[in-house]
Amino acid sequence: MAVDAAGLDIASVILRVSVGGTLVAHGWNHAFGGGKIEGTAGWFESMGLRPGRLHALMATATELGAGLLLLLGLLTPLAAAGAVGTMGVAFITAHLRNGFFIFRPGQGYEYVLMIILVACGLGALGGGGVSLDRALGISDDLSGWTGFAITALAGGLGAALLLAVFWRPARRPAEETEA
């Protein structure tokens, strides 16, 4: 039995609102939560993302911008790539070493991995019928394998490039003695 267009449209709205809303909440917290941009910058520096302020501003802008685009259903695969990129960096810098489960000390990677995978699926699904992509007539061009490729490649390559250029984690004592 095939899924009808209404079902796909409903799924797209639910996923866009959940991922987009989560990204906006993350960006808002970076900018206006407890430590604000300065606290976020210090946290990023502690993980080896230097300069911390630059990364705090970039992550905040990406999460707010991509989240808003997802909520609107505008350039959905590119917006989903923003989620893949920011969560990909978080996966590598903060969560991978802590194992899978989020409840582990230091928080595992299950949460960021789920956002990455849902964002990739959303890139393939596209904005759906209730989106600015549809209103602008670009939803068919930005879905399926094309949408998935835009999301996975732009997000994954963006994260990899950022890490390659800016991530300089502190060496552990064992690494220093071996070097």
N, C-alpha and C. Protein backbone atom coordinates (compact mmCIF):
# COMPACT_ATOMS: atom_id res chain seq x y z
N MET A 1 0.84 -1.19 0.00
CA MET A 1 0.00 0.00 0.00
C MET A 1 0.89 1.25 0.00
N ALA A 2 0.64 2.11 -0.90
CA ALA A 2 1.42 3.34 -1.04
C ALA A 2 0.97 4.39 -0.02
N VAL A 3 1.90 5.21 0.40
CA VAL A 3 1.58 6.31 1.30
C VAL A 3 1.02 7.43 0.44
N ASP A 4 -0.10 7.99 0.87
CA ASP A 4 -0.70 9.06 0.09
C ASP A 4 0.01 10.39 0.35
N ALA A 5 -0.27 11.35 -0.51
CA ALA A 5 0.39 12.66 -0.42
C ALA A 5 0.06 13.35 0.90
N ALA A 6 -1.15 13.19 1.41
CA ALA A 6 -1.51 13.83 2.67
C ALA A 6 -0.67 13.28 3.81
N GLY A 7 -0.42 11.99 3.80
CA GLY A 7 0.42 11.39 4.84
C GLY A 7 1.84 11.91 4.80
N LEU A 8 2.37 12.06 3.60
CA LEU A 8 3.72 12.62 3.46
C LEU A 8 3.78 14.08 3.90
N ASP A 9 2.72 14.84 3.58
CA ASP A 9 2.66 16.24 4.00
C ASP A 9 2.60 16.35 5.52
N ILE A 10 1.81 15.47 6.15
CA ILE A 10 1.71 15.48 7.61
C ILE A 10 3.06 15.13 8.23
N ALA A 11 3.71 14.10 7.70
CA ALA A 11 5.02 13.69 8.22
C ALA A 11 6.03 14.82 8.07
N SER A 12 6.01 15.49 6.95
CA SER A 12 6.95 16.59 6.73
C SER A 12 6.74 17.71 7.74
N VAL A 13 5.51 18.08 7.98
CA VAL A 13 5.23 19.16 8.95
C VAL A 13 5.69 18.74 10.34
N ILE A 14 5.36 17.53 10.75
CA ILE A 14 5.74 17.07 12.09
C ILE A 14 7.26 17.08 12.24
N LEU A 15 7.97 16.54 11.25
CA LEU A 15 9.43 16.49 11.33
C LEU A 15 10.05 17.88 11.25
N ARG A 16 9.52 18.73 10.38
CA ARG A 16 10.06 20.09 10.27
C ARG A 16 9.88 20.86 11.57
N VAL A 17 8.71 20.74 12.17
CA VAL A 17 8.44 21.46 13.42
C VAL A 17 9.30 20.91 14.55
N SER A 18 9.44 19.59 14.63
CA SER A 18 10.23 19.03 15.73
C SER A 18 11.71 19.35 15.59
N VAL A 19 12.29 19.14 14.42
CA VAL A 19 13.72 19.44 14.24
C VAL A 19 13.94 20.95 14.21
N GLY A 20 13.11 21.67 13.48
CA GLY A 20 13.27 23.12 13.41
C GLY A 20 13.10 23.79 14.77
N GLY A 21 12.09 23.36 15.51
CA GLY A 21 11.88 23.91 16.85
C GLY A 21 13.04 23.60 17.78
N THR A 22 13.59 22.38 17.68
CA THR A 22 14.74 22.00 18.50
C THR A 22 15.95 22.86 18.16
N LEU A 23 16.18 23.08 16.86
CA LEU A 23 17.32 23.92 16.47
C LEU A 23 17.16 25.36 16.97
N VAL A 24 15.97 25.90 16.84
CA VAL A 24 15.73 27.26 17.33
C VAL A 24 15.97 27.31 18.84
N ALA A 25 15.49 26.32 19.58
CA ALA A 25 15.70 26.28 21.03
C ALA A 25 17.19 26.21 21.36
N HIS A 26 17.95 25.39 20.63
CA HIS A 26 19.39 25.30 20.84
C HIS A 26 20.06 26.64 20.57
N GLY A 27 19.76 27.24 19.44
CA GLY A 27 20.36 28.52 19.09
C GLY A 27 20.00 29.61 20.09
N TRP A 28 18.75 29.62 20.49
CA TRP A 28 18.28 30.61 21.46
C TRP A 28 19.03 30.44 22.79
N ASN A 29 19.19 29.19 23.21
CA ASN A 29 19.90 28.93 24.46
C ASN A 29 21.37 29.36 24.37
N HIS A 30 21.99 29.11 23.22
CA HIS A 30 23.37 29.56 23.04
C HIS A 30 23.47 31.08 23.17
N ALA A 31 22.51 31.77 22.60
CA ALA A 31 22.56 33.23 22.57
C ALA A 31 22.09 33.87 23.88
N PHE A 32 21.02 33.33 24.46
CA PHE A 32 20.37 34.02 25.57
C PHE A 32 20.25 33.21 26.84
N GLY A 33 20.65 31.94 26.81
CA GLY A 33 20.56 31.08 28.00
C GLY A 33 21.64 31.42 29.01
N GLY A 34 21.76 30.61 30.03
CA GLY A 34 22.69 30.78 31.15
C GLY A 34 23.92 31.62 30.87
N GLY A 35 24.86 31.09 30.11
CA GLY A 35 26.12 31.80 29.90
C GLY A 35 26.14 32.70 28.67
N LYS A 36 25.05 32.72 27.94
CA LYS A 36 24.94 33.51 26.71
C LYS A 36 26.08 33.16 25.74
N ILE A 37 26.37 34.01 24.79
CA ILE A 37 27.40 33.74 23.78
C ILE A 37 28.76 33.53 24.45
N GLU A 38 29.05 34.32 25.48
CA GLU A 38 30.36 34.20 26.14
C GLU A 38 30.51 32.81 26.77
N GLY A 39 29.47 32.33 27.44
CA GLY A 39 29.52 31.00 28.04
C GLY A 39 29.62 29.90 27.00
N THR A 40 28.87 30.06 25.91
CA THR A 40 28.93 29.09 24.82
C THR A 40 30.33 29.09 24.21
N ALA A 41 30.91 30.27 24.05
CA ALA A 41 32.26 30.38 23.49
C ALA A 41 33.27 29.66 24.38
N GLY A 42 33.16 29.83 25.68
CA GLY A 42 34.06 29.15 26.60
C GLY A 42 33.89 27.64 26.55
N TRP A 43 32.66 27.19 26.44
CA TRP A 43 32.37 25.76 26.34
C TRP A 43 32.97 25.20 25.05
N PHE A 44 32.79 25.90 23.94
CA PHE A 44 33.36 25.44 22.67
C PHE A 44 34.89 25.41 22.74
N GLU A 45 35.49 26.43 23.33
CA GLU A 45 36.94 26.46 23.51
C GLU A 45 37.40 25.24 24.30
N SER A 46 36.65 24.89 25.36
CA SER A 46 37.04 23.76 26.20
C SER A 46 37.01 22.44 25.44
N MET A 47 36.25 22.38 24.36
CA MET A 47 36.19 21.17 23.53
C MET A 47 37.19 21.23 22.38
N GLY A 48 37.91 22.34 22.26
CA GLY A 48 38.93 22.45 21.22
C GLY A 48 38.49 23.19 19.98
N LEU A 49 37.32 23.80 20.00
CA LEU A 49 36.86 24.60 18.85
C LEU A 49 37.33 26.03 19.07
N ARG A 50 38.33 26.40 18.28
CA ARG A 50 38.96 27.71 18.48
C ARG A 50 38.94 28.52 17.19
N PRO A 51 38.65 29.80 17.26
CA PRO A 51 38.30 30.58 18.43
C PRO A 51 36.85 30.33 18.86
N GLY A 52 36.65 30.21 20.15
CA GLY A 52 35.35 29.84 20.70
C GLY A 52 34.23 30.80 20.35
N ARG A 53 34.53 32.09 20.39
CA ARG A 53 33.47 33.08 20.09
C ARG A 53 32.99 32.95 18.65
N LEU A 54 33.89 32.75 17.72
CA LEU A 54 33.51 32.57 16.33
C LEU A 54 32.58 31.36 16.19
N HIS A 55 32.93 30.27 16.85
CA HIS A 55 32.11 29.06 16.73
C HIS A 55 30.78 29.19 17.46
N ALA A 56 30.78 29.91 18.57
CA ALA A 56 29.52 30.17 19.26
C ALA A 56 28.58 30.97 18.38
N LEU A 57 29.12 31.99 17.72
CA LEU A 57 28.29 32.81 16.83
C LEU A 57 27.82 32.02 15.61
N MET A 58 28.73 31.22 15.02
CA MET A 58 28.36 30.43 13.84
C MET A 58 27.31 29.37 14.18
N ALA A 59 27.51 28.66 15.29
CA ALA A 59 26.54 27.63 15.68
C ALA A 59 25.19 28.25 15.99
N THR A 60 25.21 29.37 16.71
CA THR A 60 23.96 30.05 17.05
C THR A 60 23.23 30.51 15.80
N ALA A 61 23.93 31.15 14.89
CA ALA A 61 23.30 31.63 13.65
C ALA A 61 22.79 30.46 12.80
N THR A 62 23.57 29.39 12.72
CA THR A 62 23.15 28.22 11.93
C THR A 62 21.91 27.59 12.53
N GLU A 63 21.91 27.40 13.85
CA GLU A 63 20.75 26.76 14.48
C GLU A 63 19.50 27.63 14.38
N LEU A 64 19.64 28.92 14.62
CA LEU A 64 18.47 29.81 14.50
C LEU A 64 17.99 29.89 13.06
N GLY A 65 18.92 30.09 12.13
CA GLY A 65 18.54 30.22 10.72
C GLY A 65 17.98 28.94 10.13
N ALA A 66 18.68 27.83 10.33
CA ALA A 66 18.20 26.56 9.80
C ALA A 66 16.89 26.15 10.46
N GLY A 67 16.77 26.41 11.76
CA GLY A 67 15.53 26.09 12.45
C GLY A 67 14.35 26.87 11.89
N LEU A 68 14.55 28.15 11.68
CA LEU A 68 13.49 28.99 11.11
C LEU A 68 13.12 28.52 9.70
N LEU A 69 14.13 28.22 8.87
CA LEU A 69 13.86 27.73 7.52
C LEU A 69 13.07 26.42 7.55
N LEU A 70 13.41 25.53 8.47
CA LEU A 70 12.66 24.28 8.59
C LEU A 70 11.22 24.54 9.01
N LEU A 71 11.02 25.43 9.96
CA LEU A 71 9.66 25.75 10.40
C LEU A 71 8.83 26.30 9.24
N LEU A 72 9.46 27.07 8.38
CA LEU A 72 8.76 27.64 7.22
C LEU A 72 8.67 26.68 6.04
N GLY A 73 9.50 25.65 6.06
CA GLY A 73 9.56 24.74 4.91
C GLY A 73 10.19 25.43 3.72
N LEU A 74 11.23 26.21 3.96
CA LEU A 74 11.90 26.95 2.90
C LEU A 74 13.32 26.40 2.72
N LEU A 75 13.63 25.99 1.49
CA LEU A 75 14.93 25.39 1.19
C LEU A 75 15.21 24.24 2.17
N THR A 76 14.22 23.39 2.31
CA THR A 76 14.22 22.34 3.33
C THR A 76 15.49 21.50 3.38
N PRO A 77 15.98 20.96 2.25
CA PRO A 77 17.21 20.15 2.35
C PRO A 77 18.42 20.95 2.83
N LEU A 78 18.53 22.20 2.42
CA LEU A 78 19.64 23.03 2.87
C LEU A 78 19.50 23.35 4.36
N ALA A 79 18.29 23.63 4.79
CA ALA A 79 18.05 23.87 6.22
C ALA A 79 18.36 22.62 7.03
N ALA A 80 17.94 21.46 6.52
CA ALA A 80 18.23 20.20 7.20
C ALA A 80 19.74 19.95 7.25
N ALA A 81 20.46 20.41 6.24
CA ALA A 81 21.92 20.31 6.24
C ALA A 81 22.52 21.09 7.39
N GLY A 82 21.91 22.20 7.76
CA GLY A 82 22.36 22.95 8.93
C GLY A 82 22.27 22.12 10.20
N ALA A 83 21.19 21.34 10.30
CA ALA A 83 21.05 20.43 11.46
C ALA A 83 22.12 19.35 11.41
N VAL A 84 22.34 18.76 10.24
CA VAL A 84 23.36 17.71 10.10
C VAL A 84 24.74 18.26 10.46
N GLY A 85 25.05 19.44 9.97
CA GLY A 85 26.36 20.03 10.23
C GLY A 85 26.60 20.34 11.69
N THR A 86 25.66 21.05 12.33
CA THR A 86 25.87 21.42 13.73
C THR A 86 25.86 20.19 14.63
N MET A 87 24.96 19.27 14.37
CA MET A 87 24.91 18.06 15.20
C MET A 87 26.08 17.12 14.89
N GLY A 88 26.58 17.17 13.66
CA GLY A 88 27.76 16.37 13.32
C GLY A 88 28.99 16.85 14.09
N VAL A 89 29.14 18.16 14.20
CA VAL A 89 30.24 18.71 14.99
C VAL A 89 30.06 18.33 16.46
N ALA A 90 28.85 18.44 16.98
CA ALA A 90 28.59 18.06 18.37
C ALA A 90 28.86 16.57 18.58
N PHE A 91 28.48 15.75 17.62
CA PHE A 91 28.71 14.30 17.68
C PHE A 91 30.19 14.01 17.90
N ILE A 92 31.04 14.63 17.09
CA ILE A 92 32.48 14.36 17.15
C ILE A 92 33.13 15.01 18.37
N THR A 93 32.83 16.27 18.62
CA THR A 93 33.57 17.01 19.66
C THR A 93 33.09 16.71 21.07
N ALA A 94 31.81 16.40 21.27
CA ALA A 94 31.28 16.31 22.63
C ALA A 94 30.70 14.96 23.01
N HIS A 95 30.22 14.17 22.07
CA HIS A 95 29.42 13.00 22.45
C HIS A 95 30.00 11.64 22.09
N LEU A 96 30.74 11.53 21.03
CA LEU A 96 31.20 10.23 20.54
C LEU A 96 31.96 9.44 21.60
N ARG A 97 32.85 10.09 22.30
CA ARG A 97 33.70 9.41 23.28
C ARG A 97 32.90 8.88 24.48
N ASN A 98 31.65 9.30 24.62
CA ASN A 98 30.84 8.93 25.78
C ASN A 98 29.93 7.73 25.54
N GLY A 99 30.03 7.11 24.37
CA GLY A 99 29.17 5.97 24.07
C GLY A 99 27.82 6.40 23.52
N PHE A 100 26.97 5.42 23.30
CA PHE A 100 25.69 5.66 22.62
C PHE A 100 24.66 6.39 23.48
N PHE A 101 24.42 5.93 24.69
CA PHE A 101 23.27 6.40 25.45
C PHE A 101 23.47 7.80 26.03
N ILE A 102 22.44 8.61 25.92
CA ILE A 102 22.47 10.00 26.37
C ILE A 102 22.63 10.08 27.88
N PHE A 103 22.17 9.08 28.61
CA PHE A 103 22.22 9.12 30.07
C PHE A 103 23.60 8.76 30.64
N ARG A 104 24.53 8.39 29.78
CA ARG A 104 25.89 8.08 30.24
C ARG A 104 26.60 9.36 30.68
N PRO A 105 27.57 9.24 31.57
CA PRO A 105 28.33 10.43 31.97
C PRO A 105 28.90 11.15 30.73
N GLY A 106 28.74 12.46 30.69
CA GLY A 106 29.20 13.24 29.55
C GLY A 106 28.23 13.24 28.39
N GLN A 107 27.17 12.49 28.47
CA GLN A 107 26.11 12.37 27.47
C GLN A 107 26.60 11.69 26.19
N GLY A 108 26.02 10.55 25.91
CA GLY A 108 26.34 9.82 24.70
C GLY A 108 25.74 10.47 23.47
N TYR A 109 25.91 9.80 22.35
CA TYR A 109 25.57 10.43 21.06
C TYR A 109 24.20 10.07 20.50
N GLU A 110 23.38 9.33 21.22
CA GLU A 110 22.09 8.91 20.64
C GLU A 110 21.24 10.09 20.20
N TYR A 111 21.20 11.16 20.98
CA TYR A 111 20.37 12.32 20.68
C TYR A 111 20.83 13.03 19.40
N VAL A 112 22.12 13.34 19.31
CA VAL A 112 22.59 14.06 18.13
C VAL A 112 22.53 13.16 16.89
N LEU A 113 22.77 11.86 17.07
CA LEU A 113 22.65 10.94 15.93
C LEU A 113 21.22 10.90 15.41
N MET A 114 20.25 10.88 16.30
CA MET A 114 18.85 10.87 15.86
C MET A 114 18.50 12.14 15.10
N ILE A 115 18.98 13.28 15.57
CA ILE A 115 18.71 14.53 14.85
C ILE A 115 19.36 14.48 13.47
N ILE A 116 20.58 13.98 13.38
CA ILE A 116 21.27 13.88 12.09
C ILE A 116 20.46 12.99 11.13
N LEU A 117 20.04 11.83 11.60
CA LEU A 117 19.32 10.89 10.73
C LEU A 117 17.94 11.41 10.35
N VAL A 118 17.23 12.02 11.30
CA VAL A 118 15.92 12.58 10.99
C VAL A 118 16.07 13.73 10.00
N ALA A 119 17.10 14.55 10.17
CA ALA A 119 17.34 15.66 9.23
C ALA A 119 17.63 15.12 7.84
N CYS A 120 18.40 14.04 7.73
CA CYS A 120 18.66 13.44 6.41
C CYS A 120 17.36 12.93 5.79
N GLY A 121 16.53 12.28 6.60
CA GLY A 121 15.23 11.83 6.10
C GLY A 121 14.35 12.99 5.68
N LEU A 122 14.39 14.06 6.44
CA LEU A 122 13.61 15.26 6.11
C LEU A 122 14.09 15.89 4.82
N GLY A 123 15.41 15.88 4.60
CA GLY A 123 15.94 16.39 3.34
C GLY A 123 15.38 15.61 2.16
N ALA A 124 15.28 14.28 2.32
CA ALA A 124 14.72 13.44 1.26
C ALA A 124 13.22 13.67 1.11
N LEU A 125 12.53 13.83 2.23
CA LEU A 125 11.08 14.03 2.20
C LEU A 125 10.72 15.38 1.60
N GLY A 126 11.53 16.39 1.91
CA GLY A 126 11.25 17.73 1.41
C GLY A 126 10.25 18.47 2.27
N GLY A 127 9.96 19.68 1.88
CA GLY A 127 9.08 20.54 2.66
C GLY A 127 7.63 20.10 2.71
N GLY A 128 7.19 19.34 1.73
CA GLY A 128 5.80 18.88 1.70
C GLY A 128 4.84 19.95 1.24
N GLY A 129 3.56 19.61 1.31
CA GLY A 129 2.51 20.47 0.79
C GLY A 129 2.29 21.75 1.58
N VAL A 130 2.62 21.72 2.87
CA VAL A 130 2.43 22.89 3.71
C VAL A 130 3.81 23.51 3.94
N SER A 131 4.34 24.13 2.91
CA SER A 131 5.69 24.69 3.00
C SER A 131 5.85 25.83 2.00
N LEU A 132 6.82 26.66 2.25
CA LEU A 132 7.15 27.70 1.27
C LEU A 132 7.81 27.09 0.04
N ASP A 133 8.50 25.96 0.22
CA ASP A 133 9.04 25.26 -0.96
C ASP A 133 7.93 24.94 -1.95
N ARG A 134 6.80 24.45 -1.46
CA ARG A 134 5.67 24.13 -2.34
C ARG A 134 5.08 25.40 -2.92
N ALA A 135 4.92 26.43 -2.09
CA ALA A 135 4.34 27.69 -2.57
C ALA A 135 5.19 28.32 -3.67
N LEU A 136 6.51 28.13 -3.57
CA LEU A 136 7.42 28.68 -4.58
C LEU A 136 7.63 27.75 -5.76
N GLY A 137 7.03 26.56 -5.70
CA GLY A 137 7.15 25.60 -6.80
C GLY A 137 8.50 24.90 -6.89
N ILE A 138 9.23 24.83 -5.78
CA ILE A 138 10.54 24.18 -5.81
C ILE A 138 10.59 22.88 -5.02
N SER A 139 9.45 22.47 -4.46
CA SER A 139 9.48 21.29 -3.59
C SER A 139 9.82 20.01 -4.35
N ASP A 140 9.37 19.87 -5.58
CA ASP A 140 9.68 18.66 -6.34
C ASP A 140 11.15 18.58 -6.73
N ASP A 141 11.78 19.74 -6.92
CA ASP A 141 13.20 19.78 -7.26
C ASP A 141 14.09 19.52 -6.05
N LEU A 142 13.55 19.74 -4.84
CA LEU A 142 14.35 19.65 -3.62
C LEU A 142 13.85 18.52 -2.71
N SER A 143 13.60 17.36 -3.28
CA SER A 143 13.20 16.23 -2.47
C SER A 143 13.77 14.96 -3.09
N GLY A 144 13.46 13.82 -2.51
CA GLY A 144 13.98 12.55 -3.00
C GLY A 144 15.48 12.46 -2.84
N TRP A 145 16.11 11.78 -3.77
CA TRP A 145 17.56 11.59 -3.71
C TRP A 145 18.32 12.91 -3.79
N THR A 146 17.79 13.86 -4.54
CA THR A 146 18.44 15.18 -4.63
C THR A 146 18.43 15.87 -3.28
N GLY A 147 17.28 15.89 -2.63
CA GLY A 147 17.18 16.50 -1.31
C GLY A 147 18.05 15.80 -0.29
N PHE A 148 18.05 14.47 -0.32
CA PHE A 148 18.90 13.71 0.60
C PHE A 148 20.38 14.04 0.36
N ALA A 149 20.79 14.08 -0.91
CA ALA A 149 22.20 14.37 -1.24
C ALA A 149 22.60 15.77 -0.77
N ILE A 150 21.73 16.75 -1.00
CA ILE A 150 22.03 18.11 -0.55
C ILE A 150 22.21 18.13 0.97
N THR A 151 21.28 17.49 1.68
CA THR A 151 21.33 17.48 3.14
C THR A 151 22.57 16.77 3.66
N ALA A 152 22.77 15.54 3.22
CA ALA A 152 23.88 14.73 3.75
C ALA A 152 25.23 15.30 3.35
N LEU A 153 25.38 15.69 2.09
CA LEU A 153 26.67 16.18 1.63
C LEU A 153 27.00 17.56 2.17
N ALA A 154 26.07 18.49 2.08
CA ALA A 154 26.34 19.84 2.58
C ALA A 154 26.57 19.81 4.09
N GLY A 155 25.73 19.09 4.81
CA GLY A 155 25.88 19.02 6.26
C GLY A 155 27.14 18.27 6.67
N GLY A 156 27.36 17.10 6.08
CA GLY A 156 28.53 16.29 6.43
C GLY A 156 29.83 16.94 6.03
N LEU A 157 29.88 17.48 4.83
CA LEU A 157 31.11 18.14 4.38
C LEU A 157 31.37 19.44 5.15
N GLY A 158 30.30 20.15 5.46
CA GLY A 158 30.46 21.37 6.25
C GLY A 158 31.04 21.07 7.63
N ALA A 159 30.51 20.04 8.28
CA ALA A 159 31.03 19.64 9.59
C ALA A 159 32.47 19.18 9.49
N ALA A 160 32.77 18.36 8.48
CA ALA A 160 34.14 17.84 8.31
C ALA A 160 35.12 18.98 8.05
N LEU A 161 34.74 19.93 7.23
CA LEU A 161 35.62 21.07 6.94
C LEU A 161 35.86 21.91 8.18
N LEU A 162 34.80 22.20 8.92
CA LEU A 162 34.93 22.98 10.14
C LEU A 162 35.87 22.27 11.11
N LEU A 163 35.68 20.98 11.30
CA LEU A 163 36.53 20.23 12.23
C LEU A 163 37.99 20.20 11.76
N ALA A 164 38.18 20.00 10.47
CA ALA A 164 39.55 19.94 9.94
C ALA A 164 40.29 21.26 10.12
N VAL A 165 39.59 22.36 9.98
CA VAL A 165 40.24 23.67 10.04
C VAL A 165 40.35 24.20 11.48
N PHE A 166 39.33 23.97 12.30
CA PHE A 166 39.27 24.67 13.59
C PHE A 166 39.35 23.79 14.84
N TRP A 167 39.16 22.51 14.74
CA TRP A 167 39.11 21.68 15.95
C TRP A 167 40.51 21.28 16.39
N ARG A 168 40.91 21.73 17.53
CA ARG A 168 42.21 21.41 18.11
C ARG A 168 42.03 20.99 19.56
N PRO A 169 41.57 19.75 19.79
CA PRO A 169 41.35 19.31 21.17
C PRO A 169 42.66 19.21 21.94
N ALA A 170 42.57 19.40 23.23
CA ALA A 170 43.76 19.28 24.08
C ALA A 170 44.23 17.83 24.06
N ARG A 171 45.52 17.66 24.08
CA ARG A 171 46.09 16.31 24.12
C ARG A 171 45.93 15.73 25.52
N ARG A 172 45.66 14.44 25.55
CA ARG A 172 45.61 13.72 26.82
C ARG A 172 47.05 13.41 27.24
N PRO A 173 47.30 13.27 28.54
CA PRO A 173 48.66 13.01 29.01
C PRO A 173 49.34 11.82 28.30
N ALA A 174 48.64 10.73 28.05
CA ALA A 174 49.24 9.57 27.36
C ALA A 174 49.68 9.94 25.96
N GLU A 175 48.91 10.78 25.28
CA GLU A 175 49.25 11.20 23.92
C GLU A 175 50.51 12.07 23.92
N GLU A 176 50.67 12.88 24.97
CA GLU A 176 51.82 13.77 25.04
C GLU A 176 53.12 12.99 25.26
N THR A 177 53.06 11.94 26.08
CA THR A 177 54.26 11.16 26.36
C THR A 177 54.66 10.28 25.18
N GLU A 178 53.66 9.88 24.38
CA GLU A 178 53.95 9.05 23.21
C GLU A 178 54.50 9.87 22.06
N ALA A 179 54.16 11.16 22.00
CA ALA A 179 54.54 12.01 20.87
C ALA A 179 55.99 12.35 20.82
